[in-house]
Amino acid sequence: NTSSSSLWYELAYSEAKGRIRKGDRTWQIAFGSGFKCNSAVWRALRTINPSCEKNPWIQSIDQFPVDVPRVSTIR
């Protein structure tokens, strides 16, 4: 099940982009199979300096988001 780990990977992406600052709140929502769901509100205790932290995105953060060219419709 990779959906549960993707929540933390997305948070690491936001930290690496410098989008999370001290005092910011993040609402984490997760849905599982059947009627399973959960949510939590997290408050950042400090501002993260991406270059000084271990982050799974640090080697490739400048490559994302990817530019997608305009796509023509198929007829």
N, C-alpha and C. Protein backbone atom coordinates (compact mmCIF):
# COMPACT_ATOMS: atom_id res chain seq x y z
N ASN A 1 0.84 -1.17 0.00
CA ASN A 1 0.00 0.00 0.00
C ASN A 1 0.89 1.24 0.00
N THR A 2 0.93 1.94 -1.10
CA THR A 2 1.80 3.12 -1.21
C THR A 2 1.07 4.42 -0.91
N SER A 3 -0.24 4.39 -0.78
CA SER A 3 -0.97 5.65 -0.54
C SER A 3 -0.61 6.26 0.80
N SER A 4 -0.38 5.46 1.82
CA SER A 4 -0.04 6.02 3.13
C SER A 4 1.33 6.68 3.12
N SER A 5 2.28 6.13 2.40
CA SER A 5 3.62 6.74 2.36
C SER A 5 3.64 7.97 1.47
N SER A 6 2.75 8.07 0.50
CA SER A 6 2.75 9.23 -0.39
C SER A 6 2.38 10.52 0.33
N LEU A 7 1.63 10.43 1.42
CA LEU A 7 1.29 11.63 2.20
C LEU A 7 2.55 12.28 2.75
N TRP A 8 3.45 11.49 3.29
CA TRP A 8 4.69 12.01 3.86
C TRP A 8 5.64 12.47 2.76
N TYR A 9 5.61 11.80 1.62
CA TYR A 9 6.46 12.19 0.50
C TYR A 9 6.02 13.56 -0.03
N GLU A 10 4.73 13.80 -0.07
CA GLU A 10 4.20 15.11 -0.50
C GLU A 10 4.58 16.20 0.48
N LEU A 11 4.55 15.91 1.77
CA LEU A 11 4.97 16.88 2.78
C LEU A 11 6.45 17.22 2.60
N ALA A 12 7.27 16.22 2.33
CA ALA A 12 8.70 16.45 2.08
C ALA A 12 8.91 17.30 0.84
N TYR A 13 8.07 17.12 -0.19
CA TYR A 13 8.15 17.94 -1.40
C TYR A 13 7.86 19.40 -1.07
N SER A 14 6.82 19.65 -0.29
CA SER A 14 6.46 21.02 0.09
C SER A 14 7.57 21.66 0.92
N GLU A 15 8.19 20.89 1.80
CA GLU A 15 9.31 21.41 2.60
C GLU A 15 10.50 21.74 1.70
N ALA A 16 10.81 20.86 0.75
CA ALA A 16 11.95 21.08 -0.15
C ALA A 16 11.73 22.29 -1.04
N LYS A 17 10.49 22.58 -1.39
CA LYS A 17 10.17 23.76 -2.19
C LYS A 17 10.15 25.04 -1.35
N GLY A 18 10.29 24.90 -0.03
CA GLY A 18 10.28 26.07 0.84
C GLY A 18 8.90 26.63 1.08
N ARG A 19 7.87 25.82 0.93
CA ARG A 19 6.49 26.29 1.07
C ARG A 19 5.96 26.19 2.49
N ILE A 20 6.72 25.59 3.39
CA ILE A 20 6.25 25.44 4.77
C ILE A 20 7.14 26.28 5.68
N ARG A 21 6.53 27.19 6.41
CA ARG A 21 7.25 28.09 7.31
C ARG A 21 6.78 27.87 8.74
N LYS A 22 7.55 28.34 9.68
CA LYS A 22 7.19 28.22 11.10
C LYS A 22 5.80 28.81 11.33
N GLY A 23 4.95 28.05 12.01
CA GLY A 23 3.60 28.50 12.31
C GLY A 23 2.55 28.11 11.28
N ASP A 24 2.98 27.70 10.08
CA ASP A 24 2.02 27.27 9.05
C ASP A 24 1.30 26.01 9.51
N ARG A 25 0.07 25.87 9.06
CA ARG A 25 -0.70 24.67 9.35
C ARG A 25 -0.93 23.90 8.06
N THR A 26 -0.86 22.59 8.18
CA THR A 26 -1.09 21.70 7.04
C THR A 26 -2.19 20.73 7.43
N TRP A 27 -3.17 20.60 6.56
CA TRP A 27 -4.26 19.66 6.82
C TRP A 27 -3.98 18.40 6.02
N GLN A 28 -3.80 17.31 6.70
CA GLN A 28 -3.48 16.03 6.07
C GLN A 28 -4.75 15.18 6.07
N ILE A 29 -5.18 14.80 4.88
CA ILE A 29 -6.39 13.98 4.74
C ILE A 29 -6.01 12.68 4.04
N ALA A 30 -6.47 11.57 4.57
CA ALA A 30 -6.16 10.27 3.96
C ALA A 30 -7.44 9.45 3.85
N PHE A 31 -7.56 8.76 2.74
CA PHE A 31 -8.70 7.87 2.51
C PHE A 31 -8.17 6.46 2.27
N GLY A 32 -8.82 5.49 2.85
CA GLY A 32 -8.42 4.09 2.66
C GLY A 32 -9.51 3.34 1.93
N SER A 33 -9.35 2.04 1.90
CA SER A 33 -10.37 1.21 1.25
C SER A 33 -11.60 1.13 2.15
N GLY A 34 -12.75 0.96 1.53
CA GLY A 34 -13.98 0.89 2.31
C GLY A 34 -14.34 2.24 2.90
N PHE A 35 -14.70 2.26 4.18
CA PHE A 35 -15.10 3.50 4.83
C PHE A 35 -14.02 4.05 5.73
N LYS A 36 -12.77 3.81 5.41
CA LYS A 36 -11.67 4.28 6.25
C LYS A 36 -11.22 5.66 5.79
N CYS A 37 -11.10 6.57 6.73
CA CYS A 37 -10.56 7.89 6.42
C CYS A 37 -10.01 8.49 7.72
N ASN A 38 -9.14 9.47 7.56
CA ASN A 38 -8.52 10.09 8.72
C ASN A 38 -8.03 11.47 8.30
N SER A 39 -7.94 12.37 9.25
CA SER A 39 -7.36 13.68 8.96
C SER A 39 -6.65 14.18 10.21
N ALA A 40 -5.68 15.05 9.98
CA ALA A 40 -4.92 15.66 11.08
C ALA A 40 -4.46 17.03 10.63
N VAL A 41 -4.38 17.96 11.56
CA VAL A 41 -3.84 19.29 11.28
C VAL A 41 -2.49 19.37 11.98
N TRP A 42 -1.45 19.66 11.18
CA TRP A 42 -0.09 19.76 11.70
C TRP A 42 0.34 21.22 11.68
N ARG A 43 1.05 21.65 12.70
CA ARG A 43 1.60 23.01 12.75
C ARG A 43 3.12 22.91 12.70
N ALA A 44 3.73 23.67 11.79
CA ALA A 44 5.19 23.65 11.64
C ALA A 44 5.84 24.32 12.85
N LEU A 45 6.74 23.61 13.49
CA LEU A 45 7.43 24.14 14.67
C LEU A 45 8.61 25.02 14.29
N ARG A 46 9.12 24.85 13.07
CA ARG A 46 10.23 25.67 12.61
C ARG A 46 10.22 25.73 11.10
N THR A 47 10.91 26.72 10.56
CA THR A 47 11.07 26.82 9.12
C THR A 47 12.20 25.89 8.70
N ILE A 48 11.96 25.11 7.67
CA ILE A 48 12.94 24.14 7.19
C ILE A 48 13.83 24.81 6.14
N ASN A 49 15.14 24.66 6.30
CA ASN A 49 16.08 25.08 5.26
C ASN A 49 16.39 23.84 4.42
N PRO A 50 15.82 23.75 3.21
CA PRO A 50 15.95 22.52 2.41
C PRO A 50 17.39 22.09 2.16
N SER A 51 18.30 23.03 2.01
CA SER A 51 19.68 22.66 1.71
C SER A 51 20.41 22.06 2.91
N CYS A 52 19.89 22.27 4.11
CA CYS A 52 20.54 21.75 5.32
C CYS A 52 19.89 20.49 5.88
N GLU A 53 18.79 20.07 5.30
CA GLU A 53 18.04 18.93 5.84
C GLU A 53 18.16 17.73 4.91
N LYS A 54 17.96 16.56 5.45
CA LYS A 54 17.87 15.35 4.63
C LYS A 54 16.45 15.30 4.08
N ASN A 55 16.33 15.24 2.77
CA ASN A 55 15.03 15.28 2.13
C ASN A 55 15.10 14.42 0.88
N PRO A 56 14.11 13.56 0.63
CA PRO A 56 14.16 12.70 -0.55
C PRO A 56 14.11 13.46 -1.87
N TRP A 57 13.69 14.72 -1.83
CA TRP A 57 13.57 15.52 -3.05
C TRP A 57 14.81 16.37 -3.34
N ILE A 58 15.74 16.48 -2.42
CA ILE A 58 16.79 17.49 -2.50
C ILE A 58 17.64 17.39 -3.78
N GLN A 59 17.86 16.20 -4.31
CA GLN A 59 18.69 16.06 -5.51
C GLN A 59 17.96 16.48 -6.79
N SER A 60 16.63 16.45 -6.79
CA SER A 60 15.90 16.70 -8.03
C SER A 60 14.79 17.75 -7.90
N ILE A 61 14.77 18.50 -6.82
CA ILE A 61 13.66 19.43 -6.58
C ILE A 61 13.54 20.50 -7.66
N ASP A 62 14.66 20.88 -8.26
CA ASP A 62 14.62 21.92 -9.29
C ASP A 62 14.01 21.43 -10.60
N GLN A 63 13.82 20.14 -10.75
CA GLN A 63 13.25 19.58 -11.98
C GLN A 63 11.72 19.51 -11.93
N PHE A 64 11.12 19.83 -10.79
CA PHE A 64 9.67 19.68 -10.63
C PHE A 64 9.04 20.99 -10.20
N PRO A 65 7.82 21.32 -10.55
CA PRO A 65 6.94 20.53 -11.40
C PRO A 65 7.42 20.55 -12.86
N VAL A 66 7.06 19.54 -13.59
CA VAL A 66 7.47 19.39 -14.98
C VAL A 66 6.56 20.23 -15.86
N ASP A 67 7.15 20.92 -16.84
CA ASP A 67 6.36 21.67 -17.82
C ASP A 67 5.71 20.69 -18.79
N VAL A 68 4.41 20.77 -18.92
CA VAL A 68 3.68 19.91 -19.85
C VAL A 68 3.24 20.79 -21.01
N PRO A 69 3.66 20.44 -22.23
CA PRO A 69 3.27 21.26 -23.38
C PRO A 69 1.77 21.13 -23.65
N ARG A 70 1.26 22.11 -24.34
CA ARG A 70 -0.16 22.06 -24.69
C ARG A 70 -0.41 20.84 -25.58
N VAL A 71 -1.45 20.11 -25.29
CA VAL A 71 -1.75 18.87 -26.00
C VAL A 71 -2.96 19.09 -26.90
N SER A 72 -2.87 18.60 -28.12
CA SER A 72 -3.99 18.70 -29.05
C SER A 72 -4.95 17.54 -28.83
N THR A 73 -6.21 17.78 -29.09
CA THR A 73 -7.20 16.72 -28.95
C THR A 73 -7.10 15.77 -30.14
N ILE A 74 -7.41 14.51 -29.89
CA ILE A 74 -7.41 13.50 -30.96
C ILE A 74 -8.82 13.40 -31.51
N ARG A 75 -8.91 13.44 -32.81
CA ARG A 75 -10.24 13.37 -33.44
C ARG A 75 -10.43 12.09 -34.17
